[in-house]
Protein backbone atom coordinates (compact mmCIF):
# COMPACT_ATOMS: atom_id res chain seq x y z
CA MET A 1 8.59 48.54 -1.19
CA LYS A 2 6.30 46.21 -3.19
CA ILE A 3 5.12 42.78 -2.05
CA GLY A 4 7.60 40.75 -4.11
CA GLU A 5 10.64 42.57 -2.77
CA PHE A 6 9.21 42.47 0.75
CA ALA A 7 8.68 38.70 0.56
CA ARG A 8 12.21 38.12 -0.75
CA LYS A 9 13.70 40.22 2.03
CA PHE A 10 12.23 37.86 4.60
CA ASP A 11 12.61 34.69 2.51
CA ALA A 12 8.84 34.21 2.58
CA ARG A 13 6.23 33.26 0.00
CA ILE A 14 3.94 35.97 -1.34
CA ASP A 15 0.96 33.83 -0.24
CA THR A 16 2.33 33.93 3.32
CA ILE A 17 2.62 37.74 3.23
CA ARG A 18 -0.96 37.99 1.93
CA TYR A 19 -2.10 35.72 4.76
CA TYR A 20 -0.44 38.01 7.31
CA ILE A 21 -2.10 41.03 5.68
CA ASP A 22 -5.55 39.37 5.68
CA ASN A 23 -5.12 38.57 9.39
CA GLY A 24 -4.05 42.09 10.32
CA MET A 25 -0.51 41.11 11.28
CA ILE A 26 1.07 43.44 8.72
CA LEU A 27 -0.66 46.71 7.80
CA PRO A 28 0.71 48.01 4.47
CA GLU A 29 -0.92 50.89 2.65
CA LYS A 30 -2.65 50.06 -0.62
CA LEU A 31 -2.04 52.43 -3.51
CA HIS A 32 -3.46 51.83 -6.99
CA SER A 33 -4.31 48.19 -6.15
CA GLN A 34 -0.76 47.48 -4.93
CA TYR A 35 0.50 47.16 -1.39
CA GLN A 36 3.32 49.46 -0.27
CA PHE A 37 5.42 48.22 2.65
CA ASP A 38 7.06 50.82 4.90
CA ASP A 39 9.44 50.71 7.88
CA LYS A 40 6.56 49.83 10.21
CA CYS A 41 5.79 46.76 8.08
CA LEU A 42 9.46 45.77 8.22
CA GLU A 43 9.39 46.09 12.01
CA ASP A 44 6.20 44.01 12.32
CA MET A 45 7.50 41.32 9.98
CA THR A 46 10.79 41.12 11.89
CA LEU A 47 8.85 40.60 15.11
CA ILE A 48 6.62 37.96 13.48
CA LYS A 49 9.70 36.01 12.39
CA GLU A 50 11.14 36.22 15.92
CA LEU A 51 7.88 35.07 17.50
CA LYS A 52 7.54 32.15 15.08
CA LEU A 53 11.07 31.08 15.99
CA MET A 54 9.93 31.12 19.63
CA ARG A 55 7.05 28.78 18.60
CA PHE A 56 4.25 31.27 19.23
CA LYS A 57 0.98 30.34 17.50
CA ILE A 58 -0.62 32.69 14.98
CA THR A 59 -3.38 33.60 17.47
CA GLU A 60 -0.73 34.47 20.07
CA ILE A 61 1.29 36.52 17.57
CA LYS A 62 -1.81 38.50 16.60
CA LYS A 63 -2.47 39.25 20.27
CA ILE A 64 1.15 40.37 20.89
CA LEU A 65 1.12 42.65 17.82
CA SER A 66 -2.22 44.16 18.82
CA PHE A 67 -1.01 44.91 22.36
CA LYS A 68 2.22 46.46 21.06
CA ARG A 69 0.26 48.70 18.66
CA LEU A 70 -2.24 49.73 21.33
CA THR A 71 0.32 50.69 23.97
CA ASN A 72 3.62 51.39 22.17
CA LEU A 73 5.08 49.85 25.37
CA ILE A 74 5.54 53.30 26.89
CA ASP A 75 5.46 52.46 30.61
CA THR A 76 6.50 49.69 32.99
CA THR A 77 2.97 48.33 33.35
CA ASN A 78 2.85 47.80 29.60
CA LEU A 79 6.28 46.20 29.59
CA GLU A 80 5.41 43.86 32.47
CA TYR A 81 2.27 42.72 30.62
CA TYR A 82 4.31 42.36 27.40
CA ALA A 83 6.99 40.33 29.16
CA GLN A 84 4.32 37.97 30.51
CA PHE A 85 3.68 36.70 26.95
CA PHE A 86 7.27 35.48 26.77
CA ILE A 87 7.44 34.17 30.34
CA GLU A 88 4.31 32.04 29.80
CA LYS A 89 5.59 30.78 26.45
CA LYS A 90 8.91 29.79 28.03
CA ASP A 91 7.03 27.88 30.76
CA ASP A 92 4.95 26.13 28.08
CA LEU A 93 8.07 25.20 26.13
CA MET A 94 9.81 23.87 29.24
CA GLU A 95 6.83 21.57 29.84
CA GLU A 96 6.83 20.60 26.18
CA LYS A 97 10.56 19.89 26.41
CA LYS A 98 9.91 17.46 29.27
CA GLU A 99 7.24 15.69 27.22
CA ILE A 100 9.53 15.59 24.18
CA GLU A 101 12.33 14.09 26.26
CA LYS A 102 9.90 11.43 27.52
CA ALA A 103 8.82 10.73 23.94
CA ILE A 104 12.44 10.45 22.75
CA LYS A 105 13.21 8.04 25.58
CA ALA A 106 10.16 5.93 24.68
CA LEU A 107 11.21 5.98 21.01
CA ASP A 108 14.72 4.84 21.90
CA GLU A 109 13.28 1.97 23.96
CA LYS A 110 10.96 0.95 21.12
CA ILE A 111 13.81 1.06 18.59
CA ASP A 112 15.96 -1.11 20.87
CA GLU A 113 13.04 -3.53 21.28
CA ILE A 114 12.55 -3.79 17.51
CA GLU A 115 16.27 -4.31 16.91
CA HIS A 116 16.27 -7.11 19.48
CA VAL A 117 13.29 -8.78 17.78
CA LYS A 118 15.01 -8.45 14.37
CA LYS A 119 18.03 -10.33 15.69
CA THR A 120 15.92 -13.20 17.03
CA LEU A 121 13.63 -13.58 14.01
CA LYS A 122 14.60 -15.89 11.17
CA THR A 123 13.12 -18.95 9.58
CA LYS A 124 13.62 -21.06 6.47
CA ILE A 125 10.64 -21.82 4.24
CA GLY A 126 10.48 -24.94 2.08
CA ILE A 127 7.79 -27.22 0.65
CA PRO A 128 6.32 -29.28 3.53
CA LEU A 129 6.48 -33.03 2.84
CA GLN A 130 2.82 -33.42 3.80
CA PHE A 131 1.91 -30.92 1.07
CA PHE A 132 3.47 -33.04 -1.67
CA ASN A 133 0.28 -35.04 -2.29
CA LEU A 134 -1.38 -31.83 -3.56
CA LEU A 135 1.23 -31.19 -6.26
CA TYR A 136 -0.38 -32.26 -9.55
CA CYS A 137 0.49 -31.75 -13.19
CA PRO A 138 -1.42 -28.71 -14.51
CA LYS A 139 -1.70 -30.35 -17.94
CA CYS A 140 -3.06 -33.83 -17.18
CA GLN A 141 -3.82 -33.66 -13.44
CA LYS A 142 -1.65 -36.57 -12.41
CA ASN A 143 0.35 -36.58 -9.17
CA LEU A 144 3.86 -35.23 -9.79
CA LYS A 145 6.95 -37.35 -9.10
CA LEU A 146 9.86 -35.94 -7.10
CA TYR A 147 13.49 -36.50 -8.13
CA ASN A 148 16.88 -35.36 -6.80
CA ALA A 149 15.30 -33.92 -3.70
CA ILE A 150 17.16 -32.11 -0.93
CA VAL A 151 15.16 -32.44 2.25
CA ASP A 152 15.86 -30.74 5.57
CA GLY A 153 13.63 -31.69 8.46
CA ASN A 154 10.11 -31.98 7.08
CA SER A 155 10.57 -29.66 4.09
CA ILE A 156 11.85 -29.96 0.52
CA TYR A 157 14.22 -27.17 -0.55
CA ASN A 158 15.52 -28.39 -3.91
CA GLY A 159 14.46 -31.01 -6.42
CA GLU A 160 12.70 -31.75 -9.68
CA LEU A 161 8.99 -32.41 -10.29
CA HIS A 162 8.12 -34.56 -13.31
CA CYS A 163 4.97 -35.92 -14.93
CA ASP A 164 4.75 -38.81 -17.40
CA CYS A 165 3.16 -36.39 -19.91
CA GLY A 166 6.40 -34.40 -20.09
CA TYR A 167 5.57 -31.56 -17.72
CA MET A 168 8.43 -30.47 -15.45
CA ALA A 169 8.98 -27.99 -12.64
CA LEU A 170 11.92 -27.27 -10.37
CA ILE A 171 12.14 -26.68 -6.66
CA GLN A 172 14.88 -24.14 -5.96
CA ASP A 173 15.49 -22.71 -2.49
CA GLY A 174 12.00 -23.75 -1.45
CA ILE A 175 10.16 -22.22 -4.45
CA ILE A 176 8.32 -24.33 -7.03
CA ILE A 177 9.22 -22.95 -10.48
CA ASP A 178 7.31 -23.90 -13.63
CA HIS A 179 9.86 -24.54 -16.38
CA ASN A 180 7.89 -22.32 -18.79
CA ILE A 181 7.77 -19.30 -16.49
CA GLY A 182 10.26 -17.34 -18.63
CA GLU A 183 11.33 -13.83 -17.80
CA SER A 184 9.29 -11.51 -15.62
CA TYR A 185 7.02 -9.08 -17.43
CA LYS A 186 6.39 -5.47 -16.42
CA LYS A 187 3.39 -5.23 -14.13
CA VAL A 188 0.95 -2.36 -14.45
CA MET A 189 -0.18 -2.42 -10.82
CA GLU A 190 3.18 -1.53 -9.29
CA VAL A 191 1.97 -2.45 -5.78
CA ASN A 192 2.75 -6.02 -6.84
CA LYS A 193 6.24 -5.12 -8.06
CA TYR A 194 7.97 -2.90 -5.51
CA SER A 195 8.60 -3.25 -1.81
CA PRO A 196 6.01 -1.42 0.33
CA GLU A 197 8.61 1.25 1.12
CA GLU A 198 9.46 1.81 -2.55
CA TYR A 199 5.80 1.78 -3.55
CA LEU A 200 4.91 4.43 -0.94
CA GLU A 201 7.68 6.74 -2.15
CA GLN A 202 6.48 6.82 -5.76
CA THR A 203 2.70 6.40 -5.55
CA ASP A 204 0.06 8.99 -4.71
CA THR A 205 -1.22 8.24 -1.20
CA LEU A 206 -4.78 9.00 -2.37
CA PHE A 207 -4.58 6.05 -4.75
CA ILE A 208 -3.11 3.80 -2.05
CA SER A 209 -5.89 4.74 0.39
CA PHE A 210 -8.50 4.15 -2.31
CA THR A 211 -7.29 0.62 -3.16
CA GLN A 212 -6.98 -0.20 0.54
CA LYS A 213 -10.74 0.28 0.97
CA ALA A 214 -11.52 -2.82 -1.11
CA PHE A 215 -8.69 -4.80 0.46
CA GLN A 216 -9.92 -4.04 3.99
CA TRP A 217 -13.42 -5.05 2.89
CA VAL A 218 -12.04 -8.46 1.89
CA ILE A 219 -10.02 -8.89 5.10
CA LYS A 220 -13.11 -8.29 7.26
CA ARG A 221 -15.10 -10.95 5.41
CA LEU A 222 -12.20 -13.40 5.27
CA ASN A 223 -12.29 -13.55 9.09
CA VAL A 224 -8.74 -14.91 9.19
CA GLU A 225 -8.71 -15.68 12.93
CA SER A 226 -11.41 -18.33 12.48
CA LEU A 227 -9.74 -20.23 9.60
CA ASN A 228 -8.57 -23.78 10.28
CA ASP A 229 -7.30 -26.54 7.95
CA GLN A 230 -7.87 -24.33 4.90
CA ILE A 231 -5.84 -24.11 1.70
CA ILE A 232 -5.61 -20.48 0.61
CA VAL A 233 -4.21 -19.45 -2.78
CA GLU A 234 -3.31 -15.86 -3.60
CA ILE A 235 -3.21 -14.96 -7.27
CA GLY A 236 -0.38 -12.48 -7.89
CA THR A 237 1.34 -12.27 -4.52
CA GLY A 238 3.75 -9.56 -5.65
CA ASN A 239 5.46 -7.78 -2.78
CA GLY A 240 3.46 -9.72 -0.19
CA MET A 241 1.14 -6.93 1.00
CA VAL A 242 -1.84 -9.28 1.23
CA MET A 243 0.21 -12.26 2.34
CA THR A 244 1.81 -10.50 5.31
CA ASN A 245 -1.58 -9.27 6.51
CA VAL A 246 -3.05 -12.78 6.40
CA ILE A 247 -0.17 -15.10 7.27
CA LYS A 248 0.47 -13.56 10.70
CA GLU A 249 -3.16 -14.06 11.75
CA ILE A 250 -4.06 -17.52 10.45
CA ALA A 251 -3.54 -20.73 12.42
CA LYS A 252 -0.61 -23.00 11.50
CA SER A 253 -3.10 -25.65 10.36
CA ASN A 254 -3.76 -23.58 7.21
CA TYR A 255 -1.61 -23.45 4.07
CA PHE A 256 -1.08 -20.13 2.30
CA ILE A 257 0.02 -20.64 -1.32
CA ALA A 258 1.68 -17.57 -2.82
CA THR A 259 1.63 -17.59 -6.63
CA ASP A 260 3.14 -15.13 -9.07
CA ASN A 261 4.49 -15.22 -12.60
CA SER A 262 7.48 -13.16 -11.44
CA LEU A 263 10.09 -15.45 -9.90
CA GLU A 264 12.17 -12.44 -8.92
CA GLN A 265 9.30 -10.96 -6.94
CA LEU A 266 8.52 -14.25 -5.19
CA LYS A 267 12.15 -14.57 -4.12
CA LYS A 268 12.02 -11.13 -2.52
CA THR A 269 8.75 -11.85 -0.73
CA LYS A 270 9.97 -15.23 0.51
CA ALA A 271 13.18 -13.63 1.80
CA LEU A 272 11.07 -11.03 3.63
CA MET A 273 8.99 -13.76 5.28
CA GLU A 274 12.09 -15.69 6.33
CA LYS A 275 13.80 -12.58 7.66
CA ASN A 276 10.80 -11.79 9.85
CA GLY A 277 10.25 -15.33 11.07
CA ILE A 278 6.79 -15.79 9.57
CA GLY A 279 5.28 -17.92 6.85
CA GLN A 280 6.32 -21.41 7.95
CA ASN A 281 2.96 -22.63 6.62
CA SER A 282 3.36 -20.95 3.22
CA ILE A 283 4.23 -22.38 -0.20
CA PHE A 284 5.68 -20.31 -3.05
CA ILE A 285 4.88 -21.18 -6.68
CA ALA A 286 6.25 -19.28 -9.69
CA ALA A 287 3.98 -20.11 -12.63
CA GLU A 288 1.46 -18.67 -15.04
CA TYR A 289 -1.97 -18.75 -13.43
CA SER A 290 -3.21 -21.27 -16.00
CA ASP A 291 -0.36 -23.65 -15.09
CA ILE A 292 -0.26 -23.77 -11.29
CA PRO A 293 0.87 -27.33 -10.38
CA LEU A 294 -1.89 -28.00 -7.87
CA LYS A 295 -4.59 -30.62 -7.61
CA TRP A 296 -7.91 -29.39 -8.93
CA GLU A 297 -10.72 -28.92 -6.39
CA SER A 298 -8.23 -28.78 -3.53
CA VAL A 299 -8.37 -25.08 -2.67
CA ASP A 300 -10.76 -23.60 -0.11
CA ILE A 301 -10.11 -19.89 -0.70
CA VAL A 302 -8.69 -17.88 -3.61
CA LEU A 303 -7.56 -14.29 -3.02
CA ASP A 304 -7.53 -12.26 -6.22
CA ILE A 305 -6.37 -8.83 -5.05
CA PHE A 306 -5.56 -7.00 -8.30
CA GLY A 307 -4.07 -10.22 -9.71
CA THR A 308 -6.65 -10.10 -12.50
CA THR A 309 -5.83 -6.45 -13.28
CA ASN A 310 -2.20 -7.27 -14.03
CA HIS A 311 -3.13 -10.47 -15.87
CA VAL A 312 -5.43 -8.56 -18.23
CA PHE A 313 -2.56 -6.37 -19.42
CA HIS A 314 -0.30 -9.43 -19.71
CA LYS A 315 -2.61 -11.97 -21.36
CA GLY A 316 -5.70 -10.03 -22.45
CA GLU A 317 -8.14 -12.15 -20.45
CA LEU A 318 -9.85 -12.34 -17.07
CA LEU A 319 -8.67 -15.03 -14.68
CA PHE A 320 -11.90 -16.63 -13.50
CA ASN A 321 -11.79 -19.63 -15.88
CA HIS A 322 -8.28 -20.42 -14.60
CA ILE A 323 -9.24 -19.96 -10.95
CA LYS A 324 -12.37 -22.13 -10.95
CA PRO A 325 -10.80 -25.61 -11.44
CA TYR A 326 -8.62 -25.28 -8.35
CA LEU A 327 -11.49 -24.39 -6.02
CA LYS A 328 -13.45 -27.01 -4.15
CA SER A 329 -17.15 -27.16 -4.95
CA SER A 330 -17.77 -25.06 -1.84
CA GLY A 331 -14.67 -22.90 -2.35
CA THR A 332 -14.76 -19.12 -2.06
CA LEU A 333 -13.26 -16.41 -4.23
CA PHE A 334 -12.46 -13.06 -2.66
CA GLY A 335 -11.59 -10.49 -5.33
CA THR A 336 -10.94 -6.78 -5.82
CA TYR A 337 -11.24 -5.33 -9.31
CA ILE A 338 -10.62 -1.99 -10.98
CA TYR A 339 -13.44 -0.93 -13.27
CA LEU A 340 -14.16 2.15 -15.37
CA LYS A 341 -17.25 3.91 -16.67
CA PRO A 342 -17.19 4.74 -20.40
CA ILE A 343 -17.98 8.45 -20.18
CA SER A 344 -15.77 9.31 -17.20
CA SER A 345 -12.52 7.57 -18.18
CA GLU A 346 -10.25 7.26 -21.19
CA PHE A 347 -7.46 4.78 -21.96
CA LYS A 348 -4.31 5.97 -23.61
CA PRO A 349 -4.16 4.71 -27.24
CA GLU A 350 -1.86 1.72 -26.67
CA TYR A 351 -4.13 0.37 -23.91
CA ARG A 352 -7.57 0.91 -25.48
CA LYS A 353 -7.78 -2.75 -26.57
CA PHE A 354 -8.11 -3.72 -22.88
CA ARG A 355 -11.11 -1.45 -22.17
CA LYS A 356 -13.68 -4.27 -22.36
CA TYR A 357 -12.05 -6.06 -19.42
CA PHE A 358 -12.58 -3.03 -17.19
CA MET A 359 -16.34 -2.77 -17.56
CA LEU A 360 -18.14 -3.88 -14.39
CA ASP A 361 -20.80 -5.79 -16.32
CA ALA A 362 -18.08 -7.75 -18.14
CA ILE A 363 -16.39 -8.66 -14.85
CA LYS A 364 -19.68 -9.82 -13.33
CA THR A 365 -20.62 -11.78 -16.47
CA SER A 366 -17.27 -13.59 -16.37
CA LEU A 367 -18.19 -14.80 -12.89
CA ASN A 368 -21.11 -16.85 -14.26
CA ASP A 369 -19.66 -20.02 -12.68
CA PHE A 370 -19.83 -18.37 -9.26
CA THR A 371 -22.60 -17.25 -6.94
CA ILE A 372 -21.88 -13.74 -5.66
CA GLU A 373 -22.66 -13.80 -1.94
CA ASP A 374 -21.54 -10.28 -1.11
CA ALA A 375 -20.18 -7.35 -3.08
CA SER A 376 -19.52 -3.65 -2.77
CA THR A 377 -18.35 -0.64 -4.76
CA PHE A 378 -16.14 2.06 -3.25
CA GLY A 379 -16.78 5.26 -5.15
CA PHE A 380 -14.02 6.57 -7.38
CA THR A 381 -10.71 8.40 -7.43
CA THR A 382 -9.11 10.59 -10.08
CA SER A 383 -5.68 9.75 -8.71
CA ARG A 384 -4.34 7.37 -11.36
CA GLY A 385 -1.62 5.85 -9.18
CA ASP A 386 -0.38 2.65 -10.83
CA LEU A 387 -2.54 3.37 -13.87
CA ILE A 388 -0.93 6.73 -14.70
CA ASN A 389 0.61 5.26 -17.87
CA VAL A 390 -2.65 3.56 -18.85
CA LEU A 391 -5.35 6.20 -18.32
CA SER A 392 -5.63 9.81 -19.45
CA GLU A 393 -5.57 12.57 -16.86
CA GLY A 394 -8.95 13.20 -15.22
CA SER A 395 -10.16 9.61 -15.63
CA LYS A 396 -12.27 8.27 -12.79
CA ILE A 397 -11.16 4.91 -11.38
CA HIS A 398 -13.74 2.74 -9.62
CA GLN A 399 -13.40 -0.41 -7.50
CA TRP A 400 -15.58 -3.44 -6.97
CA ALA A 401 -14.98 -6.22 -4.44
CA CYS A 402 -16.83 -9.50 -4.12
CA GLN A 403 -17.13 -12.69 -2.15
CA ALA A 404 -18.27 -15.49 -4.46
CA LYS A 405 -18.86 -19.24 -4.13
CA ARG A 406 -18.01 -21.68 -6.87
CA ILE A 407 -21.15 -23.23 -8.35
């Protein structure tokens, strides 16, 4: 019997059979560079399958096979020794069963605890009244006027924002919506589009781990636990990955402003915050990043975690000139940016016009109105992840993160 037929007989992969051969667990004869499997091989493979079902480890199986071959189990002494393998394994499994039962009980308790917390968590997020004095026209920088407001407690949930110059925005279900926002566009960095669960299912985990390196670098330097009375703006909030990591840690004296040019995505993220009882000190704004209705020089911290990457594909420009006016003179930008090296990466034809925005020197040059206080690169990955439709196979993707002060 040849290896293919032998593998099919036991519903095993040929690689698995070769592994067993290399480890001396099956001993077929080799004729003319091909293995020939006899009745003894069938007997050994049948025993291997039985032992694996009994949860014996490979090292234990090899020992059992060796003992059986050495002795042929011809007397009671041999059989007693042979039986001891199975008695000890049963004892081990009984102990493991006890530990598994403990683990299942602990899991059940944790699930019940989580379900209880889910039932008690819920909040409603609006625009705090005390925040209203920071809502300014993005065109002429005059304080916006509020009409037809629906207020509950200390928050605005519905209304209209008008400026004498003609600018208008709506407040719907606690979200500020620029009247020019239009329909959502397709984002390249899908992490900002899908829920974390959906994103995990369809994205290479190597790419996720790679992008998390830069994000974790930012979180360490942001030092969220020490922030007080700060206004934080995130550019491109998306599914709330950054927001949820920050909002749970910062003091209630801070405001976290979530911005995105996808109203649909902001609605989902806001609903997630409300469902989990967090984000009472957050404000949601659906607008293009050049038209955020905020007072200039009012923001302490801007978080640009791949917001610029998506904006480049949408508008063909970097975001720094739009970010700068909102920051206070001492304000800080924390950013993470994808960059490429010319020789080691290649855009697909329809995206080649964006190449210049992904050169590290170009990104740094665009930050000429900022002082870079800290920065780091994080090696590269060939896992294209979100950029699979943008870059050719084999392209190396690099990351750069920075902490920069407005000059």
